[in-house]
C-alpha atoms as a PDB file:
ATOM      1  CA  MET A   1     168.935  90.979 155.286  1.00  0.00           C
ATOM      2  CA  ASP A   2     166.932  91.733 158.740  1.00  0.00           C
ATOM      3  CA  ASP A   3     163.055  91.211 159.166  1.00  0.00           C
ATOM      4  CA  GLN A   4     162.303  95.072 158.644  1.00  0.00           C
ATOM      5  CA  SER A   5     164.394  95.122 155.675  1.00  0.00           C
ATOM      6  CA  GLU A   6     163.036  92.226 154.339  1.00  0.00           C
ATOM      7  CA  LEU A   7     159.345  93.581 154.918  1.00  0.00           C
ATOM      8  CA  GLN A   8     160.195  96.792 153.330  1.00  0.00           C
ATOM      9  CA  ALA A   9     161.442  95.272 150.096  1.00  0.00           C
ATOM     10  CA  THR A  10     158.309  93.390 149.823  1.00  0.00           C
ATOM     11  CA  VAL A  11     156.287  96.537 150.184  1.00  0.00           C
ATOM     12  CA  ASP A  12     158.324  98.424 147.810  1.00  0.00           C
ATOM     13  CA  ALA A  13     158.229  96.036 145.100  1.00  0.00           C
ATOM     14  CA  LEU A  14     154.308  95.746 145.433  1.00  0.00           C
ATOM     15  CA  VAL A  15     153.596  99.548 145.641  1.00  0.00           C
ATOM     16  CA  GLN A  16     155.464 100.468 142.197  1.00  0.00           C
ATOM     17  CA  LYS A  17     153.725 103.040 140.125  1.00  0.00           C
ATOM     18  CA  GLY A  18     151.270 101.813 137.406  1.00  0.00           C
ATOM     19  CA  LYS A  19     151.134  98.295 138.925  1.00  0.00           C
ATOM     20  CA  GLY A  20     148.733  96.141 141.011  1.00  0.00           C
ATOM     21  CA  ILE A  21     148.100  92.783 142.441  1.00  0.00           C
ATOM     22  CA  LEU A  22     146.584  89.870 140.504  1.00  0.00           C
ATOM     23  CA  ALA A  23     144.180  87.795 142.971  1.00  0.00           C
ATOM     24  CA  ALA A  24     144.516  84.438 141.504  1.00  0.00           C
ATOM     25  CA  ASP A  25     143.833  82.736 145.138  1.00  0.00           C
ATOM     26  CA  GLU A  26     140.290  81.384 144.472  1.00  0.00           C
ATOM     27  CA  SER A  27     139.626  78.316 146.654  1.00  0.00           C
ATOM     28  CA  SER A  28     138.719  75.051 145.119  1.00  0.00           C
ATOM     29  CA  PRO A  29     135.053  75.539 145.206  1.00  0.00           C
ATOM     30  CA  THR A  30     135.363  79.086 143.778  1.00  0.00           C
ATOM     31  CA  ILE A  31     137.170  78.220 140.600  1.00  0.00           C
ATOM     32  CA  ALA A  32     134.895  75.136 140.001  1.00  0.00           C
ATOM     33  CA  LYS A  33     132.113  77.751 139.532  1.00  0.00           C
ATOM     34  CA  ARG A  34     134.280  80.047 137.486  1.00  0.00           C
ATOM     35  CA  PHE A  35     135.234  77.092 135.109  1.00  0.00           C
ATOM     36  CA  LYS A  36     131.572  75.811 134.999  1.00  0.00           C
ATOM     37  CA  SER A  37     130.476  79.024 133.487  1.00  0.00           C
ATOM     38  CA  ILE A  38     132.663  78.488 130.562  1.00  0.00           C
ATOM     39  CA  GLY A  39     132.169  74.675 130.680  1.00  0.00           C
ATOM     40  CA  VAL A  40     135.401  73.576 131.979  1.00  0.00           C
ATOM     41  CA  GLU A  41     136.143  70.729 134.576  1.00  0.00           C
ATOM     42  CA  SER A  42     138.035  71.979 137.617  1.00  0.00           C
ATOM     43  CA  THR A  43     140.725  69.508 137.712  1.00  0.00           C
ATOM     44  CA  GLU A  44     144.332  70.089 139.310  1.00  0.00           C
ATOM     45  CA  GLY A  45     145.546  69.875 135.492  1.00  0.00           C
ATOM     46  CA  ASN A  46     143.049  72.402 134.213  1.00  0.00           C
ATOM     47  CA  ARG A  47     143.683  74.573 137.267  1.00  0.00           C
ATOM     48  CA  ARG A  48     147.445  74.532 136.942  1.00  0.00           C
ATOM     49  CA  ALA A  49     147.288  75.367 132.967  1.00  0.00           C
ATOM     50  CA  TYR A  50     144.968  78.235 133.451  1.00  0.00           C
ATOM     51  CA  ARG A  51     146.840  80.011 136.227  1.00  0.00           C
ATOM     52  CA  LEU A  52     150.338  79.281 134.408  1.00  0.00           C
ATOM     53  CA  MET A  53     149.119  80.634 131.235  1.00  0.00           C
ATOM     54  CA  LEU A  54     148.097  84.085 133.039  1.00  0.00           C
ATOM     55  CA  LEU A  55     151.598  84.277 134.362  1.00  0.00           C
ATOM     56  CA  ALA A  56     153.367  83.578 131.428  1.00  0.00           C
ATOM     57  CA  THR A  57     151.537  86.497 129.779  1.00  0.00           C
ATOM     58  CA  PRO A  58     154.291  88.663 127.828  1.00  0.00           C
ATOM     59  CA  GLU A  59     154.909  92.159 129.748  1.00  0.00           C
ATOM     60  CA  LEU A  60     152.473  91.112 132.589  1.00  0.00           C
ATOM     61  CA  GLY A  61     155.341  92.396 135.017  1.00  0.00           C
ATOM     62  CA  GLU A  62     155.000  95.779 133.480  1.00  0.00           C
ATOM     63  CA  PHE A  63     151.475  96.380 135.136  1.00  0.00           C
ATOM     64  CA  ILE A  64     151.488  93.685 137.639  1.00  0.00           C
ATOM     65  CA  SER A  65     153.560  93.758 140.732  1.00  0.00           C
ATOM     66  CA  GLY A  66     152.310  90.945 142.741  1.00  0.00           C
ATOM     67  CA  VAL A  67     150.149  87.734 142.571  1.00  0.00           C
ATOM     68  CA  ILE A  68     148.140  86.192 145.260  1.00  0.00           C
ATOM     69  CA  PHE A  69     147.848  82.216 144.958  1.00  0.00           C
ATOM     70  CA  TYR A  70     145.973  79.727 146.618  1.00  0.00           C
ATOM     71  CA  GLU A  71     147.905  76.976 148.673  1.00  0.00           C
ATOM     72  CA  GLU A  72     147.550  74.323 145.622  1.00  0.00           C
ATOM     73  CA  THR A  73     149.108  76.403 143.176  1.00  0.00           C
ATOM     74  CA  LEU A  74     152.173  77.719 145.654  1.00  0.00           C
ATOM     75  CA  GLY A  75     153.155  74.026 145.428  1.00  0.00           C
ATOM     76  CA  GLN A  76     152.716  73.405 141.564  1.00  0.00           C
ATOM     77  CA  ARG A  77     155.233  73.420 138.962  1.00  0.00           C
ATOM     78  CA  ALA A  78     155.761  74.643 135.238  1.00  0.00           C
ATOM     79  CA  ASP A  79     156.006  72.108 132.454  1.00  0.00           C
ATOM     80  CA  ASP A  80     159.895  72.692 132.931  1.00  0.00           C
ATOM     81  CA  GLY A  81     159.762  71.941 136.661  1.00  0.00           C
ATOM     82  CA  THR A  82     160.092  75.541 137.781  1.00  0.00           C
ATOM     83  CA  PRO A  83     158.124  76.018 141.003  1.00  0.00           C
ATOM     84  CA  ILE A  84     155.095  78.371 140.113  1.00  0.00           C
ATOM     85  CA  PRO A  85     156.068  80.803 142.545  1.00  0.00           C
ATOM     86  CA  GLN A  86     159.668  81.340 140.787  1.00  0.00           C
ATOM     87  CA  TRP A  87     157.711  81.490 137.229  1.00  0.00           C
ATOM     88  CA  ALA A  88     155.973  84.641 138.632  1.00  0.00           C
ATOM     89  CA  ALA A  89     159.227  85.915 140.202  1.00  0.00           C
ATOM     90  CA  ARG A  90     160.943  85.598 136.746  1.00  0.00           C
ATOM     91  CA  GLN A  91     158.281  87.950 135.283  1.00  0.00           C
ATOM     92  CA  GLY A  92     159.064  90.612 138.104  1.00  0.00           C
ATOM     93  CA  VAL A  93     155.741  89.512 139.937  1.00  0.00           C
ATOM     94  CA  VAL A  94     156.246  89.095 143.720  1.00  0.00           C
ATOM     95  CA  PRO A  95     154.291  85.688 144.848  1.00  0.00           C
ATOM     96  CA  GLY A  96     151.939  86.000 147.781  1.00  0.00           C
ATOM     97  CA  ILE A  97     149.616  83.548 149.400  1.00  0.00           C
ATOM     98  CA  LYS A  98     145.886  83.189 150.897  1.00  0.00           C
ATOM     99  CA  VAL A  99     146.080  82.226 154.347  1.00  0.00           C
ATOM    100  CA  ASP A 100     142.750  82.291 155.583  1.00  0.00           C
ATOM    101  CA  ALA A 101     140.613  78.917 155.819  1.00  0.00           C
ATOM    102  CA  GLY A 102     137.330  80.700 154.451  1.00  0.00           C
ATOM    103  CA  LYS A 103     134.070  82.018 156.477  1.00  0.00           C
ATOM    104  CA  ILE A 104     131.778  80.465 158.740  1.00  0.00           C
ATOM    105  CA  PRO A 105     128.352  81.709 160.326  1.00  0.00           C
ATOM    106  CA  LEU A 106     129.453  83.658 163.580  1.00  0.00           C
ATOM    107  CA  ALA A 107     128.064  82.175 166.553  1.00  0.00           C
ATOM    108  CA  HIS A 108     125.065  84.044 168.237  1.00  0.00           C
ATOM    109  CA  ALA A 109     125.053  86.556 165.390  1.00  0.00           C
ATOM    110  CA  PRO A 110     122.619  85.786 162.804  1.00  0.00           C
ATOM    111  CA  GLY A 111     123.562  86.965 159.432  1.00  0.00           C
ATOM    112  CA  ASP A 112     127.172  87.704 160.389  1.00  0.00           C
ATOM    113  CA  GLU A 113     130.102  85.670 159.309  1.00  0.00           C
ATOM    114  CA  ILE A 114     133.715  85.111 160.928  1.00  0.00           C
ATOM    115  CA  THR A 115     137.003  83.875 159.075  1.00  0.00           C
ATOM    116  CA  GLU A 116     138.611  81.023 160.274  1.00  0.00           C
ATOM    117  CA  GLY A 117     142.474  79.850 159.760  1.00  0.00           C
ATOM    118  CA  LEU A 118     144.620  81.417 162.897  1.00  0.00           C
ATOM    119  CA  ASP A 119     145.282  77.754 164.079  1.00  0.00           C
ATOM    120  CA  GLY A 120     148.836  76.729 163.152  1.00  0.00           C
ATOM    121  CA  LEU A 121     149.059  79.697 160.859  1.00  0.00           C
ATOM    122  CA  ALA A 122     152.848  80.509 161.963  1.00  0.00           C
ATOM    123  CA  LYS A 123     153.844  77.326 161.157  1.00  0.00           C
ATOM    124  CA  ARG A 124     152.201  77.257 157.741  1.00  0.00           C
ATOM    125  CA  LEU A 125     153.738  80.814 156.671  1.00  0.00           C
ATOM    126  CA  ASP A 126     157.263  79.340 157.358  1.00  0.00           C
ATOM    127  CA  GLY A 127     156.487  76.694 154.911  1.00  0.00           C
ATOM    128  CA  TYR A 128     154.811  79.225 152.346  1.00  0.00           C
ATOM    129  CA  LYS A 129     157.939  81.338 152.833  1.00  0.00           C
ATOM    130  CA  LEU A 130     160.120  78.352 151.799  1.00  0.00           C
ATOM    131  CA  GLN A 131     158.064  78.050 148.584  1.00  0.00           C
ATOM    132  CA  GLY A 132     158.530  81.598 147.765  1.00  0.00           C
ATOM    133  CA  ALA A 133     155.624  83.496 149.086  1.00  0.00           C
ATOM    134  CA  ARG A 134     156.688  87.036 150.270  1.00  0.00           C
ATOM    135  CA  PHE A 135     153.244  88.377 151.355  1.00  0.00           C
ATOM    136  CA  ALA A 136     149.838  86.976 152.609  1.00  0.00           C
ATOM    137  CA  LYS A 137     146.288  88.023 152.515  1.00  0.00           C
ATOM    138  CA  TRP A 138     143.342  87.287 154.874  1.00  0.00           C
ATOM    139  CA  ARG A 139     139.824  88.512 154.082  1.00  0.00           C
ATOM    140  CA  ALA A 140     137.087  89.226 156.555  1.00  0.00           C
ATOM    141  CA  VAL A 141     133.538  89.629 155.189  1.00  0.00           C
ATOM    142  CA  TYR A 142     130.855  91.987 156.394  1.00  0.00           C
ATOM    143  CA  ASN A 143     127.257  91.520 155.153  1.00  0.00           C
ATOM    144  CA  VAL A 144     125.266  94.839 154.932  1.00  0.00           C
ATOM    145  CA  SER A 145     121.495  95.426 155.964  1.00  0.00           C
ATOM    146  CA  ASP A 146     119.743  98.048 158.210  1.00  0.00           C
ATOM    147  CA  THR A 147     121.243  96.050 161.084  1.00  0.00           C
ATOM    148  CA  LEU A 148     124.159  94.200 159.916  1.00  0.00           C
ATOM    149  CA  PRO A 149     127.032  93.921 160.651  1.00  0.00           C
ATOM    150  CA  SER A 150     126.426  93.458 164.497  1.00  0.00           C
ATOM    151  CA  ARG A 151     129.091  94.949 166.965  1.00  0.00           C
ATOM    152  CA  VAL A 152     130.356  91.693 167.759  1.00  0.00           C
ATOM    153  CA  ALA A 153     131.231  90.735 163.990  1.00  0.00           C
ATOM    154  CA  ILE A 154     133.060  94.099 163.569  1.00  0.00           C
ATOM    155  CA  GLU A 155     134.914  93.537 166.513  1.00  0.00           C
ATOM    156  CA  SER A 156     135.906  89.748 166.053  1.00  0.00           C
ATOM    157  CA  ASN A 157     137.111  90.114 162.783  1.00  0.00           C
ATOM    158  CA  ALA A 158     139.004  93.162 163.576  1.00  0.00           C
ATOM    159  CA  GLU A 159     140.559  91.094 165.984  1.00  0.00           C
ATOM    160  CA  ALA A 160     141.191  88.124 163.702  1.00  0.00           C
ATOM    161  CA  LEU A 161     142.742  90.292 161.205  1.00  0.00           C
ATOM    162  CA  ALA A 162     145.204  91.896 163.568  1.00  0.00           C
ATOM    163  CA  ARG A 163     146.342  88.437 164.934  1.00  0.00           C
ATOM    164  CA  TYR A 164     146.834  87.354 161.672  1.00  0.00           C
ATOM    165  CA  ALA A 165     148.789  90.594 160.563  1.00  0.00           C
ATOM    166  CA  ALA A 166     150.855  90.322 163.893  1.00  0.00           C
ATOM    167  CA  ILE A 167     151.957  86.636 163.036  1.00  0.00           C
ATOM    168  CA  CYS A 168     152.729  87.725 159.535  1.00  0.00           C
ATOM    169  CA  GLN A 169     155.371  90.188 160.302  1.00  0.00           C
ATOM    170  CA  GLU A 170     156.924  88.087 163.056  1.00  0.00           C
ATOM    171  CA  ARG A 171     157.714  85.596 160.293  1.00  0.00           C
ATOM    172  CA  GLY A 172     158.707  88.270 157.770  1.00  0.00           C
ATOM    173  CA  VAL A 173     155.989  88.354 155.561  1.00  0.00           C
ATOM    174  CA  VAL A 174     153.991  91.243 154.534  1.00  0.00           C
ATOM    175  CA  PRO A 175     150.126  91.056 155.641  1.00  0.00           C
ATOM    176  CA  ILE A 176     147.642  92.445 153.110  1.00  0.00           C
ATOM    177  CA  VAL A 177     144.512  92.939 155.476  1.00  0.00           C
ATOM    178  CA  GLU A 178     141.520  92.469 153.645  1.00  0.00           C
ATOM    179  CA  PRO A 179     137.904  93.712 155.165  1.00  0.00           C
ATOM    180  CA  GLU A 180     135.477  93.517 152.365  1.00  0.00           C
ATOM    181  CA  VAL A 181     131.921  95.060 152.738  1.00  0.00           C
ATOM    182  CA  LEU A 182     130.019  93.002 150.586  1.00  0.00           C
ATOM    183  CA  ILE A 183     128.261  94.669 147.835  1.00  0.00           C
ATOM    184  CA  ASP A 184     125.130  92.121 148.139  1.00  0.00           C
ATOM    185  CA  GLY A 185     121.892  93.733 149.039  1.00  0.00           C
ATOM    186  CA  ASN A 186     119.843  96.683 148.266  1.00  0.00           C
ATOM    187  CA  HIS A 187     121.572  99.014 150.718  1.00  0.00           C
ATOM    188  CA  SER A 188     122.418 102.868 149.940  1.00  0.00           C
ATOM    189  CA  ILE A 189     125.950 104.045 149.582  1.00  0.00           C
ATOM    190  CA  GLU A 190     125.589 105.994 152.517  1.00  0.00           C
ATOM    191  CA  ARG A 191     124.823 102.991 154.504  1.00  0.00           C
ATOM    192  CA  CYS A 192     127.831 101.280 153.081  1.00  0.00           C
ATOM    193  CA  ALA A 193     129.990 104.321 154.002  1.00  0.00           C
ATOM    194  CA  VAL A 194     128.850 104.117 157.576  1.00  0.00           C
ATOM    195  CA  VAL A 195     129.674 100.461 157.810  1.00  0.00           C
ATOM    196  CA  THR A 196     132.794 100.825 155.963  1.00  0.00           C
ATOM    197  CA  GLU A 197     133.991 103.541 158.495  1.00  0.00           C
ATOM    198  CA  ALA A 198     132.874 101.558 161.464  1.00  0.00           C
ATOM    199  CA  VAL A 199     134.867  98.549 160.092  1.00  0.00           C
ATOM    200  CA  LEU A 200     138.165 100.342 159.086  1.00  0.00           C
ATOM    201  CA  HIS A 201     138.114 102.151 162.405  1.00  0.00           C
ATOM    202  CA  GLU A 202     138.178  98.833 164.442  1.00  0.00           C
ATOM    203  CA  VAL A 203     140.422  97.096 162.268  1.00  0.00           C
ATOM    204  CA  PHE A 204     143.053  99.951 162.671  1.00  0.00           C
ATOM    205  CA  HIS A 205     142.396  99.955 166.630  1.00  0.00           C
ATOM    206  CA  ALA A 206     142.856  96.188 166.591  1.00  0.00           C
ATOM    207  CA  LEU A 207     146.094  96.598 164.544  1.00  0.00           C
ATOM    208  CA  HIS A 208     147.583  99.049 167.050  1.00  0.00           C
ATOM    209  CA  ARG A 209     146.657  96.724 170.139  1.00  0.00           C
ATOM    210  CA  HIS A 210     148.707  93.807 168.506  1.00  0.00           C
ATOM    211  CA  LYS A 211     151.509  96.023 167.724  1.00  0.00           C
ATOM    212  CA  VAL A 212     151.247  95.550 164.029  1.00  0.00           C
ATOM    213  CA  LEU A 213     153.746  97.901 161.875  1.00  0.00           C
ATOM    214  CA  LEU A 214     151.834  99.640 159.708  1.00  0.00           C
ATOM    215  CA  GLU A 215     154.564 100.482 157.667  1.00  0.00           C
ATOM    216  CA  TYR A 216     154.742  96.943 156.519  1.00  0.00           C
ATOM    217  CA  THR A 217     151.184  96.452 156.247  1.00  0.00           C
ATOM    218  CA  LEU A 218     148.978  96.747 153.051  1.00  0.00           C
ATOM    219  CA  LEU A 219     145.057  97.243 153.120  1.00  0.00           C
ATOM    220  CA  LYS A 220     142.624  95.597 150.607  1.00  0.00           C
ATOM    221  CA  PRO A 221     139.295  97.299 151.483  1.00  0.00           C
ATOM    222  CA  SER A 222     136.163  97.452 149.494  1.00  0.00           C
ATOM    223  CA  MET A 223     135.229 100.395 147.691  1.00  0.00           C
ATOM    224  CA  VAL A 224     132.139 102.551 149.435  1.00  0.00           C
ATOM    225  CA  VAL A 225     129.204 101.487 146.832  1.00  0.00           C
ATOM    226  CA  PRO A 226     125.576 100.843 146.995  1.00  0.00           C
ATOM    227  CA  GLY A 227     124.379  97.531 147.130  1.00  0.00           C
ATOM    228  CA  LYS A 228     124.073  95.943 143.735  1.00  0.00           C
ATOM    229  CA  GLU A 229     120.208  95.677 144.023  1.00  0.00           C
ATOM    230  CA  HIS A 230     119.799  99.516 145.127  1.00  0.00           C
ATOM    231  CA  THR A 231     117.904 101.420 142.715  1.00  0.00           C
ATOM    232  CA  GLN A 232     120.284 104.259 142.779  1.00  0.00           C
ATOM    233  CA  GLN A 233     123.650 103.148 141.423  1.00  0.00           C
ATOM    234  CA  ALA A 234     126.611 105.396 142.103  1.00  0.00           C
ATOM    235  CA  THR A 235     128.892 107.458 139.342  1.00  0.00           C
ATOM    236  CA  PRO A 236     132.815 106.955 139.364  1.00  0.00           C
ATOM    237  CA  PRO A 237     132.978 110.265 140.865  1.00  0.00           C
ATOM    238  CA  GLU A 238     130.679 109.571 143.543  1.00  0.00           C
ATOM    239  CA  VAL A 239     132.263 106.321 144.610  1.00  0.00           C
ATOM    240  CA  ALA A 240     135.448 108.298 144.756  1.00  0.00           C
ATOM    241  CA  ALA A 241     134.297 111.188 146.830  1.00  0.00           C
ATOM    242  CA  TYR A 242     132.664 108.689 149.283  1.00  0.00           C
ATOM    243  CA  THR A 243     135.394 106.002 149.621  1.00  0.00           C
ATOM    244  CA  ILE A 244     138.518 108.744 149.841  1.00  0.00           C
ATOM    245  CA  ARG A 245     136.270 110.520 152.699  1.00  0.00           C
ATOM    246  CA  ILE A 246     135.901 107.304 154.558  1.00  0.00           C
ATOM    247  CA  LEU A 247     139.681 106.316 153.780  1.00  0.00           C
ATOM    248  CA  ARG A 248     140.999 109.593 155.169  1.00  0.00           C
ATOM    249  CA  ARG A 249     139.064 109.520 158.438  1.00  0.00           C
ATOM    250  CA  THR A 250     140.171 105.771 159.273  1.00  0.00           C
ATOM    251  CA  VAL A 251     143.397 104.728 157.419  1.00  0.00           C
ATOM    252  CA  PRO A 252     146.749 105.986 158.994  1.00  0.00           C
ATOM    253  CA  ALA A 253     149.191 107.804 156.644  1.00  0.00           C
ATOM    254  CA  ALA A 254     152.006 105.084 157.753  1.00  0.00           C
ATOM    255  CA  VAL A 255     150.107 102.372 155.669  1.00  0.00           C
ATOM    256  CA  PRO A 256     152.175 102.557 152.298  1.00  0.00           C
ATOM    257  CA  GLY A 257     149.470 101.160 150.073  1.00  0.00           C
ATOM    258  CA  ILE A 258     145.763 100.640 149.541  1.00  0.00           C
ATOM    259  CA  PHE A 259     144.896  97.737 146.878  1.00  0.00           C
ATOM    260  CA  PHE A 260     141.143  97.890 146.436  1.00  0.00           C
ATOM    261  CA  LEU A 261     139.254  94.610 145.835  1.00  0.00           C
ATOM    262  CA  SER A 262     136.712  94.582 142.928  1.00  0.00           C
ATOM    263  CA  GLY A 263     134.062  92.771 144.897  1.00  0.00           C
ATOM    264  CA  GLY A 264     131.663  92.170 142.249  1.00  0.00           C
ATOM    265  CA  GLN A 265     131.919  95.042 140.040  1.00  0.00           C
ATOM    266  CA  THR A 266     132.227  94.728 136.132  1.00  0.00           C
ATOM    267  CA  PRO A 267     135.809  95.003 135.051  1.00  0.00           C
ATOM    268  CA  ALA A 268     135.147  98.449 133.356  1.00  0.00           C
ATOM    269  CA  ALA A 269     133.453  99.764 136.517  1.00  0.00           C
ATOM    270  CA  ALA A 270     136.029  98.648 138.751  1.00  0.00           C
ATOM    271  CA  THR A 271     138.819 100.412 136.721  1.00  0.00           C
ATOM    272  CA  ALA A 272     136.673 103.698 136.366  1.00  0.00           C
ATOM    273  CA  ASN A 273     136.063 103.867 140.022  1.00  0.00           C
ATOM    274  CA  LEU A 274     139.954 103.514 140.626  1.00  0.00           C
ATOM    275  CA  ASP A 275     140.663 105.943 138.074  1.00  0.00           C
ATOM    276  CA  ALA A 276     138.353 108.679 139.818  1.00  0.00           C
ATOM    277  CA  MET A 277     139.902 108.152 143.001  1.00  0.00           C
ATOM    278  CA  ASN A 278     143.372 108.900 141.782  1.00  0.00           C
ATOM    279  CA  ARG A 279     142.236 112.067 139.856  1.00  0.00           C
ATOM    280  CA  LEU A 280     141.417 113.547 143.202  1.00  0.00           C
ATOM    281  CA  GLY A 281     144.991 114.451 143.945  1.00  0.00           C
ATOM    282  CA  ALA A 282     147.778 113.126 146.084  1.00  0.00           C
ATOM    283  CA  GLN A 283     146.629 110.932 148.901  1.00  0.00           C
ATOM    284  CA  PRO A 284     148.849 109.907 151.841  1.00  0.00           C
ATOM    285  CA  TRP A 285     148.826 106.068 150.509  1.00  0.00           C
ATOM    286  CA  HIS A 286     149.478 104.427 147.008  1.00  0.00           C
ATOM    287  CA  LEU A 287     145.712 103.824 145.628  1.00  0.00           C
ATOM    288  CA  SER A 288     146.179 100.679 143.477  1.00  0.00           C
ATOM    289  CA  PHE A 289     144.253  97.391 142.588  1.00  0.00           C
ATOM    290  CA  SER A 290     144.128  93.901 143.738  1.00  0.00           C
ATOM    291  CA  TYR A 291     141.423  92.582 141.222  1.00  0.00           C
ATOM    292  CA  GLY A 292     140.312  88.896 140.692  1.00  0.00           C
ATOM    293  CA  ARG A 293     137.241  88.545 138.891  1.00  0.00           C
ATOM    294  CA  ALA A 294     137.856  92.273 137.164  1.00  0.00           C
ATOM    295  CA  LEU A 295     141.121  91.311 135.826  1.00  0.00           C
ATOM    296  CA  GLN A 296     140.164  87.410 135.102  1.00  0.00           C
ATOM    297  CA  ASP A 297     136.783  87.474 133.661  1.00  0.00           C
ATOM    298  CA  PRO A 298     137.407  88.527 130.208  1.00  0.00           C
ATOM    299  CA  ALA A 299     140.771  86.146 130.031  1.00  0.00           C
ATOM    300  CA  LEU A 300     138.508  83.189 131.581  1.00  0.00           C
ATOM    301  CA  LYS A 301     136.009  83.737 128.514  1.00  0.00           C
ATOM    302  CA  ALA A 302     138.648  83.954 125.869  1.00  0.00           C
ATOM    303  CA  TRP A 303     140.090  80.581 127.156  1.00  0.00           C
ATOM    304  CA  LYS A 304     137.059  78.322 127.209  1.00  0.00           C
ATOM    305  CA  GLY A 305     139.414  75.622 128.273  1.00  0.00           C
ATOM    306  CA  GLN A 306     141.435  75.477 124.956  1.00  0.00           C
ATOM    307  CA  ALA A 307     145.023  75.419 124.699  1.00  0.00           C
ATOM    308  CA  ALA A 308     144.536  77.192 121.426  1.00  0.00           C
ATOM    309  CA  ASN A 309     143.337  80.155 122.968  1.00  0.00           C
ATOM    310  CA  ALA A 310     146.015  80.906 125.090  1.00  0.00           C
ATOM    311  CA  HIS A 311     147.245  84.034 122.986  1.00  0.00           C
ATOM    312  CA  ASP A 312     143.763  85.545 123.329  1.00  0.00           C
ATOM    313  CA  THR A 313     143.599  84.710 127.000  1.00  0.00           C
ATOM    314  CA  GLN A 314     146.687  86.460 127.736  1.00  0.00           C
ATOM    315  CA  ARG A 315     145.577  89.599 125.475  1.00  0.00           C
ATOM    316  CA  ALA A 316     142.475  89.907 127.401  1.00  0.00           C
ATOM    317  CA  LEU A 317     144.300  89.793 130.708  1.00  0.00           C
ATOM    318  CA  LEU A 318     147.031  92.083 129.577  1.00  0.00           C
ATOM    319  CA  LYS A 319     144.493  94.660 128.523  1.00  0.00           C
ATOM    320  CA  ARG A 320     142.853  94.760 131.744  1.00  0.00           C
ATOM    321  CA  ALA A 321     145.871  95.071 133.727  1.00  0.00           C
ATOM    322  CA  ARG A 322     147.201  97.981 131.296  1.00  0.00           C
ATOM    323  CA  LEU A 323     143.868  99.829 131.817  1.00  0.00           C
ATOM    324  CA  ASN A 324     144.010  99.116 135.521  1.00  0.00           C
ATOM    325  CA  GLY A 325     147.907 100.295 135.527  1.00  0.00           C
ATOM    326  CA  ALA A 326     146.691 103.506 133.785  1.00  0.00           C
ATOM    327  CA  ALA A 327     143.819 103.999 136.380  1.00  0.00           C
ATOM    328  CA  ARG A 328     146.324 103.609 139.328  1.00  0.00           C
ATOM    329  CA  GLU A 329     147.803 107.074 137.570  1.00  0.00           C
ATOM    330  CA  GLY A 330     144.417 108.593 136.888  1.00  0.00           C
ATOM    331  CA  LYS A 331     145.139 108.391 133.568  1.00  0.00           C
ATOM    332  CA  TYR A 332     142.404 105.886 132.414  1.00  0.00           C
ATOM    333  CA  LEU A 333     139.673 106.772 129.642  1.00  0.00           C
ATOM    334  CA  PRO A 334     136.664 104.810 128.645  1.00  0.00           C
ATOM    335  CA  SER A 335     137.706 104.920 125.112  1.00  0.00           C
ATOM    336  CA  LEU A 336     140.579 103.092 125.781  1.00  0.00           C
ATOM    337  CA  GLU A 337     138.095  99.843 126.465  1.00  0.00           C
ATOM    338  CA  ASP A 338     137.940 100.021 122.678  1.00  0.00           C
ATOM    339  CA  SER A 339     141.144 101.129 121.240  1.00  0.00           C
ATOM    340  CA  LEU A 340     143.306  98.696 123.006  1.00  0.00           C
ATOM    341  CA  GLY A 341     141.281  95.869 121.386  1.00  0.00           C
END
């Protein structure tokens, strides 16, 4: 299989109707915080047990097309010795890998941040691919205020995202490009729209400069929402209208799929907002989900670190996956939150 056929096969697997991506790529400090919230120590064994339990959920592959792993998980094995990426593939779930090295303050740009991890990326991707990863993810973050993000932050993060995407495609790995306009703060939905439009314009200009093939690139953006401290929160139809307007201004039709991040929204809100977008009619791209907390929070609370709670944990994950699968088709109803148990 040549490189483009390989990339196309991965894209086709990820954008299947009624399915989305499970983001299980929490870094060690992040998963430690999540575990602490339920009174569980973040050991290598506990992290492996939890993620294996999620992947072993019966029927998961009916609603989840891909899973993003943290580097540690990619190298772990199930109890029978099967590498975890193979375990996922058995469920019909494509294994992927988070490849950025996290964010740091951007020099001479107070309040802005930049993502690291380009050094040695090509070599790391070769290793990840041998372990079974078929796609990758790189996250850039943009803090929002009346003055943030600065122009230098918008340009610098776009350049890094484009360089990452180009390296991925050269190695036969599909890049997921994740520019996250953060929900933190008290900014309005209008301010979020202005920032999101500027960010996405710059990202696609940079991808073009670096000759990234958009047909083999997936976008993982934030939705256009007001800051979580803003007095006026938005309804799902408002979020959908603002988000689709900005996407249609900035994202070329060649991009096959847009997989939204949940970005601190509640599980129900993330589902309702995605559903509202898909109810607006056909768009140039598949509109799907790549949720972490919005898929995992109910499962984490059901687990409580106890193996005896595995069934309840998997049931909670499958419920959210099924609800988001419905939202992917514009068929979610709030009443399903109760009727699916």
